Amino acid sequence: MIKNNKNGFTLIELLVVIAIIGLLAGMFMGTFSAVRKSAKKTNTKSTVKQVKLAWKQYLSEYNKFPSGINEMDSKALKIISGKEKIENYKEIPFLDFSDKSTDKSYTDPWGNVYQVRLDEAGNNSVTATAGPVKDVVAVWSYGPDGIDNTKDDINSWK
């Protein structure tokens, strides 16, 4: 007489458990991707507001904007961080870039350089690519698609 000794799992039981784990992992990966995408957008909105506020503080201190700033390139970073001694002769750090190099451009999570328009004329209006903005500073990111003036742009005036 043959004894039926069941001390372990059969191959089919193991395969079913592995398949269920794989399905659950696949469902959660989509959720994590959406959360990551949302976090990037939230981070970018926060950065846009911080850059705008920093330039407004600069204006409050010096009563004028530096000329020729159209994006957060190394020149703009050095001015706004207090590391440029001509345009920001008081060397006031309006925005802290201690974790970033001021020798490079300031980019959003998708690698696009933040865009900036400053009211150099003093008429409380700037022209962004989306059109005129009634403010002394306009800051925006091209968003995930990297293309200017599309629905996914993240800007300071909306």
N, C-alpha and C. Protein backbone atom coordinates (compact mmCIF):
# COMPACT_ATOMS: atom_id res chain seq x y z
N MET A 1 0.82 -1.16 0.00
CA MET A 1 0.00 0.00 0.00
C MET A 1 0.89 1.25 0.00
N ILE A 2 0.56 2.23 -0.87
CA ILE A 2 1.34 3.45 -1.00
C ILE A 2 0.73 4.51 -0.09
N LYS A 3 1.61 5.14 0.72
CA LYS A 3 1.15 6.20 1.61
C LYS A 3 1.15 7.53 0.84
N ASN A 4 0.13 8.31 1.06
CA ASN A 4 0.04 9.63 0.46
C ASN A 4 0.57 10.65 1.47
N ASN A 5 1.82 11.05 1.31
CA ASN A 5 2.49 11.94 2.27
C ASN A 5 2.46 13.37 1.73
N LYS A 6 1.61 14.24 2.33
CA LYS A 6 1.50 15.63 1.89
C LYS A 6 2.15 16.53 2.92
N ASN A 7 3.43 16.77 2.78
CA ASN A 7 4.14 17.65 3.69
C ASN A 7 4.46 19.01 3.07
N GLY A 8 4.21 19.23 1.82
CA GLY A 8 4.57 20.47 1.15
C GLY A 8 3.51 20.91 0.18
N PHE A 9 3.84 21.95 -0.59
CA PHE A 9 2.92 22.48 -1.59
C PHE A 9 3.20 21.81 -2.93
N THR A 10 2.16 21.68 -3.71
CA THR A 10 2.35 21.13 -5.05
C THR A 10 2.84 22.25 -5.97
N LEU A 11 3.34 21.88 -7.10
CA LEU A 11 3.84 22.85 -8.07
C LEU A 11 2.73 23.79 -8.52
N ILE A 12 1.55 23.30 -8.70
CA ILE A 12 0.42 24.12 -9.14
C ILE A 12 0.06 25.14 -8.07
N GLU A 13 0.07 24.75 -6.82
CA GLU A 13 -0.23 25.69 -5.74
C GLU A 13 0.81 26.83 -5.70
N LEU A 14 2.06 26.48 -5.86
CA LEU A 14 3.11 27.49 -5.87
C LEU A 14 2.95 28.45 -7.05
N LEU A 15 2.63 27.92 -8.21
CA LEU A 15 2.45 28.75 -9.39
C LEU A 15 1.25 29.70 -9.24
N VAL A 16 0.19 29.23 -8.62
CA VAL A 16 -0.99 30.07 -8.39
C VAL A 16 -0.64 31.21 -7.44
N VAL A 17 0.08 30.93 -6.37
CA VAL A 17 0.47 31.96 -5.42
C VAL A 17 1.38 32.99 -6.10
N ILE A 18 2.34 32.54 -6.90
CA ILE A 18 3.24 33.45 -7.62
C ILE A 18 2.45 34.33 -8.59
N ALA A 19 1.47 33.75 -9.28
CA ALA A 19 0.65 34.52 -10.22
C ALA A 19 -0.16 35.58 -9.49
N ILE A 20 -0.71 35.24 -8.35
CA ILE A 20 -1.50 36.22 -7.57
C ILE A 20 -0.60 37.35 -7.10
N ILE A 21 0.58 37.04 -6.61
CA ILE A 21 1.53 38.07 -6.17
C ILE A 21 1.91 38.97 -7.34
N GLY A 22 2.13 38.39 -8.49
CA GLY A 22 2.47 39.18 -9.69
C GLY A 22 1.35 40.13 -10.09
N LEU A 23 0.10 39.65 -10.04
CA LEU A 23 -1.03 40.51 -10.36
C LEU A 23 -1.16 41.67 -9.37
N LEU A 24 -1.02 41.39 -8.09
CA LEU A 24 -1.09 42.45 -7.08
C LEU A 24 0.03 43.47 -7.26
N ALA A 25 1.24 42.99 -7.54
CA ALA A 25 2.36 43.90 -7.75
C ALA A 25 2.12 44.78 -8.97
N GLY A 26 1.57 44.23 -10.02
CA GLY A 26 1.27 45.00 -11.22
C GLY A 26 0.23 46.08 -10.97
N MET A 27 -0.76 45.77 -10.15
CA MET A 27 -1.79 46.76 -9.83
C MET A 27 -1.20 47.91 -9.03
N PHE A 28 -0.30 47.61 -8.09
CA PHE A 28 0.28 48.66 -7.26
C PHE A 28 1.30 49.50 -8.00
N MET A 29 1.96 48.95 -9.00
CA MET A 29 2.95 49.73 -9.76
C MET A 29 2.29 50.90 -10.48
N GLY A 30 1.08 50.70 -11.00
CA GLY A 30 0.35 51.78 -11.64
C GLY A 30 0.01 52.88 -10.65
N THR A 31 -0.35 52.50 -9.45
CA THR A 31 -0.67 53.47 -8.40
C THR A 31 0.57 54.26 -8.02
N PHE A 32 1.69 53.59 -7.85
CA PHE A 32 2.93 54.28 -7.48
C PHE A 32 3.37 55.25 -8.57
N SER A 33 3.17 54.88 -9.81
CA SER A 33 3.53 55.76 -10.92
C SER A 33 2.69 57.03 -10.90
N ALA A 34 1.41 56.90 -10.63
CA ALA A 34 0.53 58.07 -10.56
C ALA A 34 0.90 58.97 -9.38
N VAL A 35 1.26 58.36 -8.26
CA VAL A 35 1.67 59.13 -7.08
C VAL A 35 2.96 59.89 -7.38
N ARG A 36 3.90 59.24 -8.04
CA ARG A 36 5.18 59.88 -8.40
C ARG A 36 4.94 61.07 -9.34
N LYS A 37 4.06 60.89 -10.31
CA LYS A 37 3.75 61.95 -11.27
C LYS A 37 3.10 63.14 -10.54
N SER A 38 2.19 62.85 -9.65
CA SER A 38 1.53 63.91 -8.88
C SER A 38 2.53 64.64 -7.98
N ALA A 39 3.47 63.91 -7.39
CA ALA A 39 4.48 64.53 -6.52
C ALA A 39 5.38 65.47 -7.32
N LYS A 40 5.73 65.09 -8.54
CA LYS A 40 6.55 65.96 -9.39
C LYS A 40 5.83 67.26 -9.70
N LYS A 41 4.53 67.17 -10.00
CA LYS A 41 3.77 68.38 -10.31
C LYS A 41 3.64 69.27 -9.08
N THR A 42 3.41 68.67 -7.91
CA THR A 42 3.29 69.45 -6.68
C THR A 42 4.61 70.13 -6.35
N ASN A 43 5.71 69.42 -6.51
CA ASN A 43 7.03 69.98 -6.27
C ASN A 43 7.30 71.16 -7.21
N THR A 44 6.92 71.01 -8.45
CA THR A 44 7.13 72.06 -9.44
C THR A 44 6.28 73.29 -9.12
N LYS A 45 5.03 73.10 -8.72
CA LYS A 45 4.18 74.23 -8.33
C LYS A 45 4.81 75.00 -7.17
N SER A 46 5.33 74.27 -6.20
CA SER A 46 5.97 74.90 -5.05
C SER A 46 7.20 75.69 -5.47
N THR A 47 8.02 75.11 -6.34
CA THR A 47 9.23 75.78 -6.80
C THR A 47 8.90 77.05 -7.58
N VAL A 48 7.89 76.97 -8.43
CA VAL A 48 7.47 78.14 -9.21
C VAL A 48 7.07 79.28 -8.27
N LYS A 49 6.33 78.96 -7.23
CA LYS A 49 5.92 79.99 -6.25
C LYS A 49 7.13 80.55 -5.50
N GLN A 50 8.07 79.69 -5.14
CA GLN A 50 9.27 80.15 -4.42
C GLN A 50 10.13 81.07 -5.29
N VAL A 51 10.30 80.71 -6.55
CA VAL A 51 11.11 81.54 -7.46
C VAL A 51 10.43 82.89 -7.66
N LYS A 52 9.12 82.88 -7.84
CA LYS A 52 8.37 84.13 -8.00
C LYS A 52 8.54 85.01 -6.77
N LEU A 53 8.38 84.43 -5.59
CA LEU A 53 8.52 85.19 -4.35
C LEU A 53 9.94 85.75 -4.20
N ALA A 54 10.93 84.96 -4.56
CA ALA A 54 12.33 85.41 -4.46
C ALA A 54 12.57 86.64 -5.35
N TRP A 55 12.05 86.61 -6.58
CA TRP A 55 12.22 87.76 -7.47
C TRP A 55 11.45 88.98 -6.96
N LYS A 56 10.30 88.76 -6.35
CA LYS A 56 9.55 89.88 -5.77
C LYS A 56 10.32 90.49 -4.59
N GLN A 57 10.98 89.65 -3.81
CA GLN A 57 11.80 90.15 -2.71
C GLN A 57 12.99 90.93 -3.25
N TYR A 58 13.56 90.45 -4.34
CA TYR A 58 14.65 91.17 -5.00
C TYR A 58 14.16 92.57 -5.39
N LEU A 59 13.00 92.64 -6.02
CA LEU A 59 12.44 93.92 -6.44
C LEU A 59 12.21 94.83 -5.23
N SER A 60 11.71 94.28 -4.17
CA SER A 60 11.47 95.07 -2.96
C SER A 60 12.78 95.65 -2.40
N GLU A 61 13.84 94.88 -2.49
CA GLU A 61 15.13 95.34 -1.95
C GLU A 61 15.81 96.36 -2.85
N TYR A 62 15.80 96.14 -4.17
CA TYR A 62 16.57 96.98 -5.09
C TYR A 62 15.72 97.95 -5.92
N ASN A 63 14.39 97.84 -5.83
CA ASN A 63 13.45 98.70 -6.56
C ASN A 63 13.57 98.59 -8.08
N LYS A 64 14.22 97.58 -8.56
CA LYS A 64 14.29 97.30 -10.00
C LYS A 64 14.75 95.86 -10.18
N PHE A 65 14.51 95.35 -11.38
CA PHE A 65 14.95 94.00 -11.71
C PHE A 65 16.24 94.07 -12.53
N PRO A 66 17.06 93.04 -12.48
CA PRO A 66 18.20 92.99 -13.40
C PRO A 66 17.69 92.79 -14.82
N SER A 67 18.44 93.25 -15.78
CA SER A 67 17.98 93.12 -17.17
C SER A 67 18.44 91.80 -17.78
N GLY A 68 17.67 91.36 -18.75
CA GLY A 68 18.05 90.19 -19.54
C GLY A 68 17.80 88.84 -18.90
N ILE A 69 16.96 88.76 -17.89
CA ILE A 69 16.64 87.46 -17.26
C ILE A 69 15.39 86.90 -17.92
N ASN A 70 15.52 85.77 -18.59
CA ASN A 70 14.39 85.10 -19.22
C ASN A 70 14.20 83.66 -18.77
N GLU A 71 15.17 83.14 -18.09
CA GLU A 71 15.07 81.79 -17.54
C GLU A 71 15.98 81.69 -16.33
N MET A 72 15.81 80.63 -15.57
CA MET A 72 16.61 80.44 -14.37
C MET A 72 17.93 79.76 -14.76
N ASP A 73 18.73 80.49 -15.53
CA ASP A 73 20.06 80.00 -15.92
C ASP A 73 21.05 80.33 -14.81
N SER A 74 22.33 80.10 -15.05
CA SER A 74 23.33 80.30 -14.00
C SER A 74 23.42 81.77 -13.58
N LYS A 75 23.23 82.69 -14.52
CA LYS A 75 23.25 84.12 -14.16
C LYS A 75 22.14 84.45 -13.18
N ALA A 76 20.92 84.01 -13.48
CA ALA A 76 19.77 84.26 -12.60
C ALA A 76 19.96 83.59 -11.24
N LEU A 77 20.48 82.36 -11.24
CA LEU A 77 20.71 81.65 -9.98
C LEU A 77 21.70 82.38 -9.10
N LYS A 78 22.76 82.87 -9.70
CA LYS A 78 23.78 83.58 -8.91
C LYS A 78 23.22 84.87 -8.34
N ILE A 79 22.43 85.59 -9.12
CA ILE A 79 21.84 86.84 -8.63
C ILE A 79 20.90 86.56 -7.46
N ILE A 80 19.98 85.63 -7.66
CA ILE A 80 18.93 85.40 -6.67
C ILE A 80 19.45 84.67 -5.41
N SER A 81 20.59 84.00 -5.54
CA SER A 81 21.16 83.29 -4.38
C SER A 81 22.17 84.14 -3.62
N GLY A 82 22.47 85.34 -4.12
CA GLY A 82 23.40 86.23 -3.42
C GLY A 82 24.85 85.98 -3.75
N LYS A 83 25.13 85.23 -4.81
CA LYS A 83 26.51 84.92 -5.18
C LYS A 83 27.03 85.79 -6.32
N GLU A 84 26.22 86.74 -6.77
CA GLU A 84 26.61 87.64 -7.84
C GLU A 84 26.73 89.03 -7.23
N LYS A 85 27.87 89.68 -7.41
CA LYS A 85 28.18 90.89 -6.66
C LYS A 85 27.88 92.20 -7.39
N ILE A 86 27.37 92.14 -8.62
CA ILE A 86 27.05 93.38 -9.33
C ILE A 86 25.55 93.65 -9.25
N GLU A 87 24.75 92.73 -9.76
CA GLU A 87 23.29 92.91 -9.72
C GLU A 87 22.73 92.76 -8.30
N ASN A 88 23.39 91.96 -7.48
CA ASN A 88 22.98 91.75 -6.08
C ASN A 88 24.16 92.14 -5.20
N TYR A 89 24.51 93.43 -5.22
CA TYR A 89 25.73 93.89 -4.54
C TYR A 89 25.67 93.75 -3.03
N LYS A 90 24.47 93.62 -2.47
CA LYS A 90 24.35 93.39 -1.02
C LYS A 90 24.53 91.90 -0.68
N GLU A 91 24.60 91.07 -1.72
CA GLU A 91 24.79 89.62 -1.61
C GLU A 91 23.73 88.97 -0.72
N ILE A 92 22.50 89.38 -0.92
CA ILE A 92 21.37 88.84 -0.16
C ILE A 92 20.89 87.56 -0.84
N PRO A 93 20.82 86.46 -0.11
CA PRO A 93 20.25 85.24 -0.69
C PRO A 93 18.72 85.27 -0.62
N PHE A 94 18.08 85.53 -1.74
CA PHE A 94 16.62 85.57 -1.78
C PHE A 94 16.03 84.17 -1.90
N LEU A 95 16.83 83.23 -2.35
CA LEU A 95 16.41 81.84 -2.48
C LEU A 95 17.63 80.97 -2.22
N ASP A 96 17.47 79.94 -1.40
CA ASP A 96 18.59 79.09 -1.02
C ASP A 96 18.79 77.96 -2.03
N PHE A 97 19.96 77.94 -2.62
CA PHE A 97 20.33 76.88 -3.56
C PHE A 97 21.50 76.07 -3.02
N SER A 98 21.56 75.89 -1.71
CA SER A 98 22.71 75.21 -1.11
C SER A 98 22.85 73.77 -1.61
N ASP A 99 21.75 73.16 -2.00
CA ASP A 99 21.81 71.78 -2.49
C ASP A 99 21.99 71.70 -4.00
N LYS A 100 22.07 72.84 -4.67
CA LYS A 100 22.22 72.85 -6.12
C LYS A 100 23.39 73.74 -6.51
N SER A 101 23.98 73.43 -7.63
CA SER A 101 25.07 74.24 -8.16
C SER A 101 24.49 75.46 -8.86
N THR A 102 25.07 76.62 -8.62
CA THR A 102 24.62 77.84 -9.31
C THR A 102 25.35 78.03 -10.63
N ASP A 103 26.18 77.06 -11.01
CA ASP A 103 26.87 77.12 -12.30
C ASP A 103 26.04 76.51 -13.42
N LYS A 104 24.90 75.93 -13.07
CA LYS A 104 24.02 75.29 -14.05
C LYS A 104 22.67 76.00 -14.02
N SER A 105 21.80 75.63 -14.92
CA SER A 105 20.44 76.17 -14.93
C SER A 105 19.59 75.44 -13.90
N TYR A 106 18.55 76.10 -13.42
CA TYR A 106 17.62 75.51 -12.46
C TYR A 106 16.52 74.82 -13.25
N THR A 107 16.42 73.51 -13.11
CA THR A 107 15.49 72.74 -13.93
C THR A 107 14.39 72.11 -13.09
N ASP A 108 13.27 71.85 -13.74
CA ASP A 108 12.15 71.17 -13.11
C ASP A 108 12.42 69.66 -13.08
N PRO A 109 11.54 68.87 -12.48
CA PRO A 109 11.79 67.42 -12.40
C PRO A 109 11.90 66.71 -13.74
N TRP A 110 11.47 67.35 -14.82
CA TRP A 110 11.54 66.73 -16.15
C TRP A 110 12.75 67.22 -16.94
N GLY A 111 13.59 68.05 -16.31
CA GLY A 111 14.81 68.52 -16.96
C GLY A 111 14.67 69.80 -17.75
N ASN A 112 13.51 70.46 -17.68
CA ASN A 112 13.29 71.73 -18.39
C ASN A 112 13.72 72.89 -17.50
N VAL A 113 14.35 73.89 -18.08
CA VAL A 113 14.77 75.08 -17.33
C VAL A 113 13.53 75.92 -17.01
N TYR A 114 13.41 76.34 -15.75
CA TYR A 114 12.31 77.22 -15.36
C TYR A 114 12.41 78.53 -16.14
N GLN A 115 11.28 79.00 -16.65
CA GLN A 115 11.20 80.23 -17.41
C GLN A 115 10.77 81.38 -16.50
N VAL A 116 11.32 82.56 -16.72
CA VAL A 116 11.02 83.73 -15.89
C VAL A 116 10.87 84.95 -16.79
N ARG A 117 9.88 85.79 -16.49
CA ARG A 117 9.77 87.11 -17.11
C ARG A 117 9.64 88.11 -15.98
N LEU A 118 10.48 89.15 -16.03
CA LEU A 118 10.50 90.18 -15.01
C LEU A 118 10.05 91.50 -15.62
N ASP A 119 9.30 92.27 -14.86
CA ASP A 119 8.78 93.55 -15.31
C ASP A 119 9.88 94.61 -15.19
N GLU A 120 10.75 94.66 -16.18
CA GLU A 120 11.84 95.62 -16.17
C GLU A 120 11.36 97.05 -16.43
N ALA A 121 10.20 97.19 -17.11
CA ALA A 121 9.67 98.51 -17.46
C ALA A 121 8.91 99.16 -16.30
N GLY A 122 8.53 98.36 -15.30
CA GLY A 122 7.81 98.91 -14.17
C GLY A 122 6.35 99.19 -14.42
N ASN A 123 5.71 98.49 -15.35
CA ASN A 123 4.30 98.73 -15.66
C ASN A 123 3.36 97.64 -15.13
N ASN A 124 3.85 96.83 -14.20
CA ASN A 124 3.07 95.76 -13.56
C ASN A 124 2.49 94.78 -14.57
N SER A 125 3.26 94.48 -15.59
CA SER A 125 2.83 93.52 -16.61
C SER A 125 4.06 92.90 -17.26
N VAL A 126 3.98 91.61 -17.51
CA VAL A 126 5.04 90.92 -18.24
C VAL A 126 4.39 90.10 -19.35
N THR A 127 5.18 89.75 -20.34
CA THR A 127 4.67 88.94 -21.43
C THR A 127 5.29 87.56 -21.36
N ALA A 128 4.46 86.60 -21.05
CA ALA A 128 4.88 85.20 -21.08
C ALA A 128 4.46 84.63 -22.43
N THR A 129 4.87 83.42 -22.73
CA THR A 129 4.51 82.85 -24.04
C THR A 129 3.01 82.63 -24.16
N ALA A 130 2.32 82.50 -23.03
CA ALA A 130 0.87 82.33 -23.07
C ALA A 130 0.15 83.66 -23.26
N GLY A 131 0.90 84.78 -23.22
CA GLY A 131 0.31 86.10 -23.39
C GLY A 131 0.67 87.01 -22.23
N PRO A 132 0.03 88.16 -22.16
CA PRO A 132 0.35 89.11 -21.08
C PRO A 132 -0.12 88.60 -19.72
N VAL A 133 0.69 88.89 -18.71
CA VAL A 133 0.39 88.51 -17.33
C VAL A 133 0.44 89.78 -16.49
N LYS A 134 -0.63 90.06 -15.77
CA LYS A 134 -0.68 91.25 -14.92
C LYS A 134 0.01 90.97 -13.60
N ASP A 135 1.31 91.07 -13.60
CA ASP A 135 2.12 90.87 -12.40
C ASP A 135 3.53 91.34 -12.73
N VAL A 136 4.35 91.53 -11.70
CA VAL A 136 5.72 91.97 -11.93
C VAL A 136 6.65 90.81 -12.25
N VAL A 137 6.19 89.58 -11.93
CA VAL A 137 7.00 88.39 -12.19
C VAL A 137 6.10 87.28 -12.72
N ALA A 138 6.57 86.59 -13.73
CA ALA A 138 5.90 85.38 -14.23
C ALA A 138 6.94 84.27 -14.27
N VAL A 139 6.61 83.14 -13.68
CA VAL A 139 7.51 81.98 -13.64
C VAL A 139 6.71 80.77 -14.10
N TRP A 140 7.33 79.92 -14.92
CA TRP A 140 6.64 78.71 -15.33
C TRP A 140 7.60 77.61 -15.73
N SER A 141 7.02 76.41 -15.74
CA SER A 141 7.71 75.20 -16.18
C SER A 141 6.97 74.69 -17.41
N TYR A 142 7.69 74.09 -18.34
CA TYR A 142 7.05 73.52 -19.52
C TYR A 142 6.23 72.28 -19.19
N GLY A 143 6.40 71.74 -18.00
CA GLY A 143 5.65 70.57 -17.58
C GLY A 143 6.22 69.27 -18.14
N PRO A 144 5.50 68.17 -17.93
CA PRO A 144 6.01 66.85 -18.33
C PRO A 144 6.31 66.69 -19.82
N ASP A 145 5.56 67.39 -20.68
CA ASP A 145 5.80 67.20 -22.12
C ASP A 145 6.99 68.01 -22.64
N GLY A 146 7.48 68.96 -21.85
CA GLY A 146 8.65 69.74 -22.26
C GLY A 146 8.38 70.75 -23.35
N ILE A 147 7.12 71.00 -23.66
CA ILE A 147 6.75 71.92 -24.73
C ILE A 147 6.07 73.14 -24.11
N ASP A 148 6.49 74.32 -24.53
CA ASP A 148 5.95 75.55 -23.99
C ASP A 148 4.53 75.80 -24.48
N ASN A 149 3.74 76.44 -23.61
CA ASN A 149 2.39 76.88 -23.93
C ASN A 149 1.44 75.73 -24.28
N THR A 150 1.49 74.67 -23.47
CA THR A 150 0.55 73.55 -23.60
C THR A 150 -0.22 73.41 -22.29
N LYS A 151 -1.21 72.53 -22.27
CA LYS A 151 -2.08 72.38 -21.10
C LYS A 151 -1.34 71.94 -19.84
N ASP A 152 -0.24 71.23 -19.98
CA ASP A 152 0.43 70.71 -18.78
C ASP A 152 1.48 71.67 -18.20
N ASP A 153 1.60 72.87 -18.77
CA ASP A 153 2.54 73.85 -18.21
C ASP A 153 2.12 74.19 -16.77
N ILE A 154 3.08 74.43 -15.93
CA ILE A 154 2.82 74.79 -14.54
C ILE A 154 3.35 76.21 -14.37
N ASN A 155 2.43 77.15 -14.05
CA ASN A 155 2.84 78.55 -14.01
C ASN A 155 2.40 79.26 -12.75
N SER A 156 2.90 80.48 -12.58
CA SER A 156 2.67 81.24 -11.35
C SER A 156 1.44 82.14 -11.41
N TRP A 157 0.78 82.24 -12.54
CA TRP A 157 -0.31 83.20 -12.65
C TRP A 157 -1.69 82.56 -12.70
N LYS A 158 -1.78 81.26 -12.53
CA LYS A 158 -3.10 80.60 -12.49
C LYS A 158 -3.38 80.07 -11.12
